[in-house]
Amino acid sequence: MKKRTFLKLSSALMTAPFLSPLASCSTESKAETLKNWAGNLTYSTSQLDQAKSVQQAQELVKKYDKVKALGTRHCFNKIADTDERFVSLVGAPENIDIAPDGKSVTVNSGIKYGELSPYLHEKGFALHNLASLPHISVAGAIATATHGSGEKNGNLASAVSGLEMITANGEVVQLSRETDGEKFNAAVVHLGALGVLTKVTLDLQPTFLMTQYVYENMPLAQLQDHFDEIQASGYSVSLFTNWQSQDIAEVWVKQRADAPQMDEKEWLGATLATKDLHPIPELSAENCTAQMGVPGPWYERMPHFKMGFTPSSGDELQAEYFVPRQNAVDAIMAIARLGDQVGPYLLTSEVRAIAADDLWMSPCYQQDCVTIHFTWKPDWPGVSKLLPIVERQLAPYSARPHWGKLFSMAPAEFAKHYPKLPEFRSMAKEYDPQGKFRNAFLEKNILG
């Protein structure tokens, strides 16, 4: 593509029926109670300013002594919480600017992946990875190292090659992978501690089609003996189970359509599904992305759920732990031994692989990882008692939690898992000397 491709999305797109109630025409939202997507968390303030431009966001950051950026509210903990003031760029008019060489795209931070992806595909481009939900904003996803799957695919933040943010003094700072080295690596997974992200530049590749196959009831022993083969079977692979039986209920294999297809009727003791399935077997697959080997655009196969539908009521709790790839099988088997304890509280559990990156506060910093994810029933008293048990079981395998999900890990543990934590704290002081962006979560777990 020789000519720069540029799009300014209309306000009609920004107010599509599914979109978050954060999308608003007013600068300041009404003082309504704000909850996260799952409904398990009521934020400590209802004061929310909806910025319609970078300039307006700058003014708001300068105006308030304490402020936090708020995205699509998919975090299950208080990492984005504040008891004073929120500012959001979700729902602002969006620009999508594809570079002349077609190698990158620059977007406003509040855009959702499910809004960006169809446009990129139409223009002949693709992103390397997507999360299971396409409904999340670019800014929120990269701030917490949100990931999809694929042993050769880094998390969503690993696609970032440039960013723009507003620091505590209202200054707009631009950083790039090419020119800013380690400072850039520090700033991408910023956990909300450095500023308000306004623009992001993402790596692109040529668009492609994908297929998706699901296998049912793979014996756990096969997983133990053939884990590497299973993970190498597709572009992206997800394993679903409730840990209450000696098998993996569903293995989702997502492949490029131009690769050899996984269409065997039986594979490692598992059987090819004869209909589309939901990750929770009891639920309808209506809202799930198409399976059965039907080809479709990358953005309609990499997520588990369709953009046009709410994937669930959100009435759930989530926790997730990263372990180094070399510890994966031992960690999985350790959780399997807790099946009778965790199973009754689970909706489903998912295992995925993610490639290493160089981003300081990413759980995959300089090591390939496997994640063990738990989608819990909305029973916080029960789940809160289980989290320490799960974490003790995973402790021998150097597990660390997802930044945006529930955990009980002691703050001292993070210093063991993040070698760049001292330098990150120094950068936070440089960008935010008065603690404008700090909150209780950051003070306790990250900044000390």
Protein backbone atom coordinates (compact mmCIF):
# COMPACT_ATOMS: atom_id res chain seq x y z
CA MET A 1 0.00 0.00 0.00
CA LYS A 2 1.74 3.19 -1.20
CA LYS A 3 -0.87 5.70 -0.14
CA ARG A 4 -1.51 6.32 3.56
CA THR A 5 -4.85 4.85 4.55
CA PHE A 6 -6.76 6.99 7.01
CA LEU A 7 -10.18 6.63 8.63
CA LYS A 8 -12.09 8.78 11.05
CA LEU A 9 -14.80 6.59 12.50
CA SER A 10 -18.26 8.09 12.73
CA SER A 11 -20.07 8.67 15.98
CA ALA A 12 -22.63 6.11 14.82
CA LEU A 13 -20.03 3.35 15.02
CA MET A 14 -19.02 4.50 18.48
CA THR A 15 -22.58 4.17 19.76
CA ALA A 16 -23.38 0.72 18.40
CA PRO A 17 -25.78 -1.23 20.65
CA PHE A 18 -23.18 -3.41 22.39
CA LEU A 19 -20.83 -0.62 23.35
CA SER A 20 -20.09 0.34 26.93
CA PRO A 21 -22.24 2.97 28.60
CA LEU A 22 -19.02 4.94 28.93
CA ALA A 23 -19.53 6.09 25.33
CA SER A 24 -21.13 9.50 25.73
CA CYS A 25 -21.42 12.82 23.96
CA SER A 26 -20.96 14.79 27.15
CA THR A 27 -17.66 15.78 28.72
CA GLU A 28 -18.73 14.66 32.16
CA SER A 29 -20.93 11.65 32.79
CA LYS A 30 -23.84 11.66 35.18
CA ALA A 31 -23.03 10.57 38.71
CA GLU A 32 -24.26 7.01 38.33
CA THR A 33 -22.83 4.04 40.15
CA LEU A 34 -19.97 2.60 38.10
CA LYS A 35 -19.35 -1.13 38.08
CA ASN A 36 -16.96 -3.31 36.13
CA TRP A 37 -18.13 -5.61 33.35
CA ALA A 38 -18.58 -8.61 35.65
CA GLY A 39 -20.46 -6.63 38.27
CA ASN A 40 -18.24 -7.92 41.08
CA LEU A 41 -16.63 -4.51 41.59
CA THR A 42 -18.25 -1.18 42.33
CA TYR A 43 -15.75 1.58 41.69
CA SER A 44 -14.93 3.95 44.53
CA THR A 45 -16.25 6.99 42.67
CA SER A 46 -18.89 7.71 40.05
CA GLN A 47 -17.11 10.86 38.86
CA LEU A 48 -16.23 10.18 35.23
CA ASP A 49 -15.16 12.62 32.54
CA GLN A 50 -15.57 11.44 28.95
CA ALA A 51 -12.82 13.06 26.89
CA LYS A 52 -13.57 13.56 23.21
CA SER A 53 -10.00 14.40 22.17
CA VAL A 54 -6.40 14.21 23.30
CA GLN A 55 -6.49 17.92 24.03
CA GLN A 56 -9.52 17.53 26.26
CA ALA A 57 -7.88 14.62 28.07
CA GLN A 58 -4.81 16.81 28.65
CA GLU A 59 -6.96 19.51 30.21
CA LEU A 60 -8.61 16.99 32.51
CA VAL A 61 -5.30 15.51 33.64
CA LYS A 62 -3.99 18.99 34.41
CA LYS A 63 -7.21 19.91 36.22
CA TYR A 64 -7.33 17.11 38.79
CA ASP A 65 -4.90 16.25 41.58
CA LYS A 66 -5.82 12.56 41.33
CA VAL A 67 -7.17 10.85 38.21
CA LYS A 68 -7.27 7.38 36.64
CA ALA A 69 -7.94 6.28 33.08
CA LEU A 70 -10.92 3.94 32.71
CA GLY A 71 -11.39 1.67 29.70
CA THR A 72 -14.01 -0.95 28.96
CA ARG A 73 -14.00 -2.10 32.60
CA HIS A 74 -13.01 -5.71 32.01
CA CYS A 75 -10.63 -5.93 34.99
CA PHE A 76 -11.86 -7.93 37.95
CA ASN A 77 -9.74 -6.17 40.57
CA LYS A 78 -9.08 -2.56 41.57
CA ILE A 79 -6.08 -1.89 39.34
CA ALA A 80 -7.98 0.92 37.58
CA ASP A 81 -9.95 2.14 40.60
CA THR A 82 -9.88 5.58 42.18
CA ASP A 83 -11.88 7.35 44.85
CA GLU A 84 -11.54 10.72 43.11
CA ARG A 85 -11.87 11.04 39.32
CA PHE A 86 -11.95 8.92 36.16
CA VAL A 87 -11.20 10.01 32.62
CA SER A 88 -12.07 7.82 29.62
CA LEU A 89 -11.31 7.97 25.90
CA VAL A 90 -13.59 5.01 25.10
CA GLY A 91 -16.24 6.29 22.72
CA ALA A 92 -14.26 9.30 21.54
CA PRO A 93 -14.11 9.88 17.76
CA GLU A 94 -11.47 7.48 16.49
CA ASN A 95 -8.73 7.72 13.89
CA ILE A 96 -7.22 4.66 12.20
CA ASP A 97 -4.04 5.60 10.39
CA ILE A 98 -2.28 2.85 8.44
CA ALA A 99 1.36 3.66 7.68
CA PRO A 100 2.35 4.03 4.01
CA ASP A 101 4.48 0.87 4.16
CA GLY A 102 1.57 -1.13 5.61
CA LYS A 103 3.68 -2.34 8.54
CA SER A 104 1.83 -0.54 11.33
CA VAL A 105 -1.39 1.22 12.29
CA THR A 106 -1.86 4.08 14.74
CA VAL A 107 -5.16 4.31 16.61
CA ASN A 108 -6.71 6.29 19.41
CA SER A 109 -6.37 4.31 22.60
CA GLY A 110 -10.07 3.90 23.36
CA ILE A 111 -10.91 1.88 20.26
CA LYS A 112 -11.95 -1.74 20.78
CA TYR A 113 -10.22 -4.57 18.95
CA GLY A 114 -13.58 -5.67 17.58
CA GLU A 115 -14.03 -2.26 15.95
CA LEU A 116 -10.49 -2.01 14.60
CA SER A 117 -10.09 -5.52 13.24
CA PRO A 118 -12.77 -5.59 10.50
CA TYR A 119 -11.42 -2.37 9.04
CA LEU A 120 -7.87 -3.72 8.98
CA HIS A 121 -9.03 -6.93 7.28
CA GLU A 122 -10.93 -4.94 4.66
CA LYS A 123 -7.74 -3.02 3.88
CA GLY A 124 -5.69 -6.22 3.64
CA PHE A 125 -4.06 -6.30 7.09
CA ALA A 126 -4.15 -8.29 10.31
CA LEU A 127 -2.97 -8.16 13.90
CA HIS A 128 -0.89 -11.05 15.22
CA ASN A 129 -3.15 -11.96 18.12
CA LEU A 130 -6.47 -11.21 19.80
CA ALA A 131 -7.89 -11.97 23.24
CA SER A 132 -10.83 -14.30 23.74
CA LEU A 133 -13.10 -11.23 23.90
CA PRO A 134 -12.87 -8.64 21.09
CA HIS A 135 -14.85 -6.13 23.15
CA ILE A 136 -11.88 -4.77 25.11
CA SER A 137 -10.09 -1.50 24.37
CA VAL A 138 -6.58 -1.37 22.98
CA ALA A 139 -5.34 0.82 25.84
CA GLY A 140 -6.69 -1.37 28.62
CA ALA A 141 -5.49 -4.58 27.03
CA ILE A 142 -1.88 -3.54 26.62
CA ALA A 143 -1.71 -1.82 30.01
CA THR A 144 -2.32 -5.15 31.74
CA ALA A 145 -0.55 -7.50 29.27
CA THR A 146 -3.82 -9.10 28.17
CA HIS A 147 -3.16 -12.02 25.83
CA GLY A 148 -4.64 -14.46 23.40
CA SER A 149 -2.98 -17.77 22.66
CA GLY A 150 -0.31 -19.35 20.52
CA GLU A 151 3.13 -20.58 21.48
CA LYS A 152 4.71 -18.30 18.85
CA ASN A 153 2.40 -15.36 19.57
CA GLY A 154 3.22 -12.72 22.15
CA ASN A 155 0.52 -11.00 24.19
CA LEU A 156 -1.40 -8.06 22.73
CA ALA A 157 1.09 -5.56 24.14
CA SER A 158 3.93 -7.18 22.19
CA ALA A 159 2.46 -5.74 18.97
CA VAL A 160 2.95 -2.18 20.23
CA SER A 161 5.70 -0.32 18.38
CA GLY A 162 4.82 3.17 19.53
CA LEU A 163 2.65 4.98 22.05
CA GLU A 164 1.54 8.41 23.15
CA MET A 165 0.53 9.23 26.71
CA ILE A 166 -0.30 12.17 28.91
CA THR A 167 1.95 12.34 31.96
CA ALA A 168 1.05 13.87 35.31
CA ASN A 169 1.97 17.42 34.32
CA GLY A 170 -0.26 17.25 31.25
CA GLU A 171 2.63 16.80 28.85
CA VAL A 172 2.12 14.52 25.86
CA VAL A 173 5.00 12.03 25.62
CA GLN A 174 5.69 9.82 22.62
CA LEU A 175 7.81 6.67 22.82
CA SER A 176 8.73 4.11 20.17
CA ARG A 177 10.35 0.71 20.04
CA GLU A 178 12.81 1.98 17.46
CA THR A 179 14.08 5.06 19.27
CA ASP A 180 13.45 4.65 23.00
CA GLY A 181 14.72 1.18 23.82
CA GLU A 182 14.30 0.19 27.45
CA LYS A 183 12.20 3.22 28.35
CA PHE A 184 9.72 2.04 25.73
CA ASN A 185 9.83 -1.50 27.12
CA ALA A 186 9.03 -0.08 30.53
CA ALA A 187 6.11 2.03 29.35
CA VAL A 188 4.04 -0.43 27.28
CA VAL A 189 2.66 -2.60 30.11
CA HIS A 190 2.33 0.44 32.34
CA LEU A 191 -0.44 -0.77 34.70
CA GLY A 192 -1.91 2.73 34.76
CA ALA A 193 1.05 4.03 36.75
CA LEU A 194 2.70 6.27 34.16
CA GLY A 195 -0.07 8.25 32.52
CA VAL A 196 -3.18 8.27 30.35
CA LEU A 197 -2.60 6.48 27.06
CA THR A 198 -3.97 8.40 24.08
CA LYS A 199 -2.56 6.77 20.91
CA VAL A 200 -1.03 3.40 20.14
CA THR A 201 0.90 2.14 17.10
CA LEU A 202 0.52 -1.60 16.42
CA ASP A 203 2.47 -3.92 14.14
CA LEU A 204 0.57 -5.26 11.13
CA GLN A 205 0.91 -8.25 8.83
CA PRO A 206 -0.95 -9.26 5.66
CA THR A 207 -4.48 -10.43 6.35
CA PHE A 208 -5.30 -14.15 6.39
CA LEU A 209 -8.15 -16.58 6.87
CA MET A 210 -8.42 -19.05 9.74
CA THR A 211 -10.28 -22.20 10.66
CA GLN A 212 -11.25 -23.56 14.04
CA TYR A 213 -11.68 -27.18 15.13
CA VAL A 214 -12.77 -28.43 18.54
CA TYR A 215 -11.90 -31.84 19.98
CA GLU A 216 -13.75 -33.31 22.93
CA ASN A 217 -12.63 -35.40 25.91
CA MET A 218 -8.86 -35.61 25.53
CA PRO A 219 -7.46 -37.84 28.30
CA LEU A 220 -5.36 -35.87 30.78
CA ALA A 221 -2.59 -38.45 30.38
CA GLN A 222 -2.30 -37.47 26.70
CA LEU A 223 -1.89 -33.84 27.71
CA GLN A 224 0.84 -34.86 30.11
CA ASP A 225 2.70 -36.86 27.47
CA HIS A 226 2.07 -34.72 24.37
CA PHE A 227 1.80 -31.14 25.62
CA ASP A 228 4.27 -29.72 23.10
CA GLU A 229 2.56 -31.50 20.21
CA ILE A 230 -0.83 -30.17 21.29
CA GLN A 231 0.43 -26.60 21.54
CA ALA A 232 2.13 -26.85 18.14
CA SER A 233 -1.04 -28.13 16.44
CA GLY A 234 -2.40 -24.68 15.61
CA TYR A 235 -1.78 -20.97 15.36
CA SER A 236 -3.68 -20.67 18.63
CA VAL A 237 -4.72 -23.48 20.99
CA SER A 238 -6.97 -23.42 24.06
CA LEU A 239 -7.70 -26.26 26.46
CA PHE A 240 -10.91 -26.17 28.53
CA THR A 241 -11.70 -28.29 31.58
CA ASN A 242 -13.32 -28.09 35.01
CA TRP A 243 -10.65 -30.37 36.58
CA GLN A 244 -13.29 -32.78 37.86
CA SER A 245 -12.56 -35.59 35.43
CA GLN A 246 -9.52 -37.26 33.94
CA ASP A 247 -9.84 -35.49 30.62
CA ILE A 248 -9.75 -32.11 28.94
CA ALA A 249 -13.34 -31.40 27.95
CA GLU A 250 -12.52 -29.31 24.86
CA VAL A 251 -9.39 -28.55 22.82
CA TRP A 252 -9.88 -25.54 20.52
CA VAL A 253 -7.39 -25.53 17.64
CA LYS A 254 -7.31 -22.34 15.58
CA GLN A 255 -5.29 -22.59 12.36
CA ARG A 256 -4.40 -20.48 9.40
CA ALA A 257 -6.50 -21.65 6.48
CA ASP A 258 -3.36 -22.02 4.34
CA ALA A 259 -1.81 -24.48 6.84
CA PRO A 260 -2.40 -28.27 6.92
CA GLN A 261 -5.77 -28.74 8.61
CA MET A 262 -6.48 -30.59 11.88
CA ASP A 263 -9.53 -32.49 10.71
CA GLU A 264 -8.83 -36.01 11.98
CA LYS A 265 -11.90 -37.61 13.53
CA GLU A 266 -9.79 -38.76 16.49
CA TRP A 267 -6.62 -37.19 17.88
CA LEU A 268 -4.70 -38.22 20.97
CA GLY A 269 -7.77 -39.94 22.35
CA ALA A 270 -10.07 -36.97 21.69
CA THR A 271 -12.97 -36.88 19.24
CA LEU A 272 -13.66 -34.16 16.68
CA ALA A 273 -16.80 -32.24 17.66
CA THR A 274 -19.78 -32.53 15.33
CA LYS A 275 -21.25 -29.13 16.20
CA ASP A 276 -20.09 -25.75 17.45
CA LEU A 277 -19.42 -25.69 21.17
CA HIS A 278 -19.20 -23.13 23.99
CA PRO A 279 -16.20 -23.21 26.38
CA ILE A 280 -18.76 -24.03 29.06
CA PRO A 281 -20.23 -27.22 27.54
CA GLU A 282 -23.68 -26.67 29.01
CA LEU A 283 -24.14 -23.31 27.25
CA SER A 284 -25.25 -22.55 23.71
CA ALA A 285 -22.52 -21.78 21.16
CA GLU A 286 -24.65 -19.07 19.52
CA ASN A 287 -22.32 -16.29 20.65
CA CYS A 288 -19.11 -18.20 19.92
CA THR A 289 -16.96 -17.83 16.83
CA ALA A 290 -17.55 -20.38 14.05
CA GLN A 291 -15.92 -23.80 14.32
CA MET A 292 -16.16 -27.03 12.32
CA GLY A 293 -13.27 -25.98 10.07
CA VAL A 294 -15.26 -23.24 8.33
CA PRO A 295 -12.78 -20.61 7.03
CA GLY A 296 -13.22 -17.01 8.07
CA PRO A 297 -11.24 -13.81 8.65
CA TRP A 298 -8.60 -13.94 11.38
CA TYR A 299 -10.60 -11.60 13.62
CA GLU A 300 -13.64 -13.92 13.48
CA ARG A 301 -11.66 -16.98 14.62
CA MET A 302 -8.95 -15.88 17.06
CA PRO A 303 -11.43 -14.68 19.72
CA HIS A 304 -13.73 -17.25 21.30
CA PHE A 305 -16.70 -14.88 21.16
CA LYS A 306 -18.29 -12.77 18.43
CA MET A 307 -18.08 -9.00 18.64
CA GLY A 308 -21.76 -8.56 17.83
CA PHE A 309 -22.95 -10.43 20.91
CA THR A 310 -22.44 -10.06 24.62
CA PRO A 311 -20.43 -13.23 25.39
CA SER A 312 -22.20 -13.80 28.70
CA SER A 313 -24.00 -11.87 31.37
CA GLY A 314 -20.63 -11.11 32.90
CA ASP A 315 -21.89 -12.74 36.08
CA GLU A 316 -18.59 -14.47 36.82
CA LEU A 317 -15.22 -14.03 38.50
CA GLN A 318 -11.84 -14.63 36.86
CA ALA A 319 -8.33 -15.48 38.00
CA GLU A 320 -5.34 -16.49 35.90
CA TYR A 321 -1.73 -17.49 36.54
CA PHE A 322 1.31 -17.48 34.26
CA VAL A 323 3.97 -20.16 34.67
CA PRO A 324 7.21 -20.51 32.68
CA ARG A 325 6.72 -22.85 29.74
CA GLN A 326 9.16 -25.42 31.14
CA ASN A 327 6.95 -25.72 34.26
CA ALA A 328 3.67 -25.99 32.40
CA VAL A 329 2.91 -29.70 32.62
CA ASP A 330 3.86 -29.94 36.30
CA ALA A 331 1.73 -26.89 37.10
CA ILE A 332 -1.24 -28.28 35.16
CA MET A 333 -1.04 -31.58 36.97
CA ALA A 334 -0.79 -29.76 40.29
CA ILE A 335 -4.08 -28.00 39.58
CA ALA A 336 -5.63 -31.28 38.44
CA ARG A 337 -4.95 -32.59 41.94
CA LEU A 338 -7.18 -29.82 43.29
CA GLY A 339 -10.08 -30.87 41.07
CA ASP A 340 -12.45 -31.82 43.87
CA GLN A 341 -11.83 -28.49 45.60
CA VAL A 342 -11.97 -26.07 42.69
CA GLY A 343 -14.40 -27.89 40.40
CA PRO A 344 -17.62 -27.05 42.26
CA TYR A 345 -16.82 -23.32 42.04
CA LEU A 346 -15.82 -23.30 38.37
CA LEU A 347 -17.65 -22.45 35.19
CA THR A 348 -14.58 -23.48 33.19
CA SER A 349 -10.78 -23.35 33.23
CA GLU A 350 -8.56 -22.60 30.23
CA VAL A 351 -4.92 -23.37 29.46
CA ARG A 352 -3.05 -21.33 26.81
CA ALA A 353 0.54 -20.66 25.71
CA ILE A 354 2.07 -17.20 25.12
CA ALA A 355 5.46 -16.31 23.68
CA ALA A 356 8.12 -14.31 25.51
CA ASP A 357 8.50 -10.53 25.17
CA ASP A 358 10.80 -7.77 26.44
CA LEU A 359 8.20 -5.66 28.23
CA TRP A 360 9.28 -5.04 31.81
CA MET A 361 5.98 -5.62 33.62
CA SER A 362 4.68 -8.35 31.35
CA PRO A 363 4.33 -11.75 33.02
CA CYS A 364 6.06 -13.11 29.90
CA TYR A 365 9.11 -10.87 30.26
CA GLN A 366 11.94 -12.79 28.58
CA GLN A 367 10.26 -16.18 29.04
CA ASP A 368 7.67 -18.23 27.19
CA CYS A 369 4.68 -18.90 29.41
CA VAL A 370 1.59 -21.02 29.80
CA THR A 371 -1.45 -19.64 31.58
CA ILE A 372 -3.98 -21.45 33.71
CA HIS A 373 -7.18 -19.43 33.73
CA PHE A 374 -10.18 -19.88 36.03
CA THR A 375 -13.67 -18.60 35.23
CA TRP A 376 -15.38 -18.90 38.58
CA LYS A 377 -19.01 -18.86 39.52
CA PRO A 378 -19.93 -15.51 41.15
CA ASP A 379 -19.33 -16.80 44.68
CA TRP A 380 -16.71 -14.45 46.13
CA PRO A 381 -16.73 -15.95 49.65
CA GLY A 382 -15.92 -19.35 48.18
CA VAL A 383 -13.49 -18.12 45.55
CA SER A 384 -11.63 -15.91 48.02
CA LYS A 385 -10.85 -18.99 50.09
CA LEU A 386 -9.73 -20.97 47.05
CA LEU A 387 -7.30 -18.41 45.59
CA PRO A 388 -4.65 -18.89 48.32
CA ILE A 389 -4.95 -22.66 47.89
CA VAL A 390 -4.46 -22.41 44.13
CA GLU A 391 -1.51 -20.04 44.58
CA ARG A 392 0.20 -22.32 47.11
CA GLN A 393 -0.21 -25.21 44.69
CA LEU A 394 1.38 -23.19 41.88
CA ALA A 395 4.08 -21.50 43.95
CA PRO A 396 6.79 -24.13 43.20
CA TYR A 397 6.37 -23.34 39.49
CA SER A 398 7.07 -19.56 39.68
CA ALA A 399 3.47 -18.58 39.01
CA ARG A 400 2.45 -14.95 38.80
CA PRO A 401 -1.11 -13.63 38.38
CA HIS A 402 -2.68 -11.72 35.53
CA TRP A 403 -2.63 -8.03 36.46
CA GLY A 404 -6.31 -7.51 35.70
CA LYS A 405 -7.77 -10.52 37.46
CA LEU A 406 -8.33 -11.70 41.03
CA PHE A 407 -5.46 -12.95 43.20
CA SER A 408 -4.32 -13.07 46.81
CA MET A 409 -0.55 -13.12 46.27
CA ALA A 410 1.47 -11.08 48.76
CA PRO A 411 3.07 -7.92 47.30
CA ALA A 412 6.55 -9.13 48.26
CA GLU A 413 6.20 -11.95 45.74
CA PHE A 414 6.16 -9.56 42.79
CA ALA A 415 9.73 -8.46 43.44
CA LYS A 416 10.80 -12.09 42.89
CA HIS A 417 9.01 -12.38 39.56
CA TYR A 418 9.71 -8.98 37.99
CA PRO A 419 13.43 -8.21 37.85
CA LYS A 420 12.77 -4.76 36.38
CA LEU A 421 10.38 -3.72 39.14
CA PRO A 422 12.84 -1.32 40.85
CA GLU A 423 13.50 0.45 37.54
CA PHE A 424 9.76 0.60 36.82
CA ARG A 425 9.17 2.27 40.17
CA SER A 426 11.82 4.85 39.29
CA MET A 427 10.13 5.57 35.98
CA ALA A 428 6.77 5.96 37.73
CA LYS A 429 8.33 8.59 40.00
CA GLU A 430 9.80 10.36 36.97
CA TYR A 431 6.51 10.46 35.06
CA ASP A 432 4.26 10.98 38.09
CA PRO A 433 6.28 12.53 40.94
CA GLN A 434 3.23 13.59 42.98
CA GLY A 435 1.34 10.31 42.59
CA LYS A 436 -1.52 11.66 40.48
CA PHE A 437 -2.13 8.24 38.90
CA ARG A 438 -1.47 6.14 41.97
CA ASN A 439 -4.21 4.22 43.73
CA ALA A 440 -4.43 1.68 46.55
CA PHE A 441 -3.79 -1.28 44.22
CA LEU A 442 -0.59 0.22 42.80
CA GLU A 443 0.65 1.37 46.19
CA LYS A 444 0.17 -2.08 47.66
CA ASN A 445 1.35 -4.32 44.84
CA ILE A 446 3.67 -2.34 42.56
CA LEU A 447 4.96 1.00 43.72
CA GLY A 448 5.37 0.38 47.43
